Amino acid sequence: MSLLEDFQIQRMVEGPAFSIYVRGNCIGVVAGASQSSTGLMTEQGLSYLIWRDGAPYLAAKGVETPATPEQVETIRQFSQDLNTALCT
């Protein structure tokens, strides 16, 4: 069993420039050997976690909404797990 499977992460797309990984509603886009970005699928589409004036927001195309502590933790944990699975 691979580390991706251990973390319940699936590789959805593997290409020469980038790969896309998913778990639940989390998505990670990895370019080359480094993780480039992770986000969360929301009603507005793929949203990335950003911080503005110390507060977390989910930013999608043209829309920013406050992120809940649970959403912040979900993205953080997915990012950590994906990084661990790919770098080990």
Protein backbone atom coordinates (compact mmCIF):
# COMPACT_ATOMS: atom_id res chain seq x y z
CA MET A 1 0.00 0.00 0.00
CA SER A 2 1.35 3.47 -0.88
CA LEU A 3 1.42 6.49 1.40
CA LEU A 4 -1.17 8.15 -0.82
CA GLU A 5 -3.52 5.24 -0.11
CA ASP A 6 -2.63 5.37 3.59
CA PHE A 7 -3.77 9.02 3.63
CA GLN A 8 -6.81 8.22 1.41
CA ILE A 9 -5.50 10.56 -1.30
CA GLN A 10 -6.11 9.77 -4.96
CA ARG A 11 -4.07 10.95 -7.93
CA MET A 12 -6.67 12.17 -10.42
CA VAL A 13 -4.41 13.62 -13.14
CA GLU A 14 -0.76 12.97 -13.87
CA GLY A 15 0.86 15.03 -16.57
CA PRO A 16 4.27 16.29 -17.60
CA ALA A 17 3.77 19.73 -16.02
CA PHE A 18 1.60 18.95 -12.98
CA SER A 19 -0.44 16.33 -11.14
CA ILE A 20 -3.77 16.73 -9.33
CA TYR A 21 -4.57 14.92 -6.07
CA VAL A 22 -7.89 14.77 -4.21
CA ARG A 23 -9.31 13.67 -0.88
CA GLY A 24 -12.93 14.46 -0.14
CA ASN A 25 -13.46 18.05 -1.22
CA CYS A 26 -9.74 18.95 -1.05
CA ILE A 27 -7.63 19.33 -4.17
CA GLY A 28 -3.86 19.66 -4.49
CA VAL A 29 -2.05 20.75 -7.66
CA VAL A 30 1.58 19.67 -7.65
CA ALA A 31 4.06 20.99 -10.19
CA GLY A 32 7.29 19.07 -10.54
CA ALA A 33 8.75 17.97 -7.21
CA SER A 34 7.11 20.68 -5.09
CA GLN A 35 3.53 21.13 -3.94
CA SER A 36 2.27 24.29 -5.54
CA SER A 37 -1.21 24.76 -4.07
CA THR A 38 -4.09 23.13 -2.23
CA GLY A 39 -7.68 24.21 -1.98
CA LEU A 40 -11.23 23.21 -1.23
CA MET A 41 -14.12 22.64 -3.62
CA THR A 42 -16.97 24.95 -2.63
CA GLU A 43 -20.21 26.14 -4.20
CA GLN A 44 -18.12 28.84 -5.93
CA GLY A 45 -15.69 26.28 -7.37
CA LEU A 46 -12.09 25.63 -6.32
CA SER A 47 -11.28 27.98 -3.44
CA TYR A 48 -7.87 28.68 -2.00
CA LEU A 49 -7.18 29.62 1.60
CA ILE A 50 -5.87 33.15 1.95
CA TRP A 51 -5.29 35.39 4.96
CA ARG A 52 -6.44 38.99 5.02
CA ASP A 53 -5.84 41.15 8.10
CA GLY A 54 -5.17 38.00 10.12
CA ALA A 55 -8.46 36.35 9.16
CA PRO A 56 -8.82 33.27 6.93
CA TYR A 57 -10.85 33.46 3.71
CA LEU A 58 -11.65 31.06 0.90
CA ALA A 59 -10.95 32.78 -2.40
CA ALA A 60 -12.55 31.52 -5.61
CA LYS A 61 -12.77 33.30 -8.94
CA GLY A 62 -13.96 36.78 -7.99
CA VAL A 63 -15.40 35.72 -4.61
CA GLU A 64 -13.99 35.66 -1.08
CA THR A 65 -15.88 34.16 1.85
CA PRO A 66 -14.77 33.81 5.47
CA ALA A 67 -13.28 30.37 6.14
CA THR A 68 -14.45 28.41 9.15
CA PRO A 69 -11.91 26.94 11.57
CA GLU A 70 -12.94 23.49 10.29
CA GLN A 71 -12.19 24.48 6.68
CA VAL A 72 -8.82 25.90 7.67
CA GLU A 73 -7.95 22.68 9.52
CA THR A 74 -9.19 20.49 6.64
CA ILE A 75 -6.96 22.29 4.14
CA ARG A 76 -4.01 22.35 6.55
CA GLN A 77 -4.28 18.61 7.26
CA PHE A 78 -4.67 17.72 3.58
CA SER A 79 -1.64 19.85 2.66
CA GLN A 80 0.43 18.21 5.38
CA ASP A 81 -0.68 14.68 4.45
CA LEU A 82 -0.07 15.27 0.72
CA ASN A 83 3.37 16.70 1.41
CA THR A 84 4.23 13.73 3.64
CA ALA A 85 2.99 11.20 1.08
CA LEU A 86 4.92 12.76 -1.79
CA CYS A 87 8.16 13.54 0.04
CA THR A 88 8.64 10.23 1.85
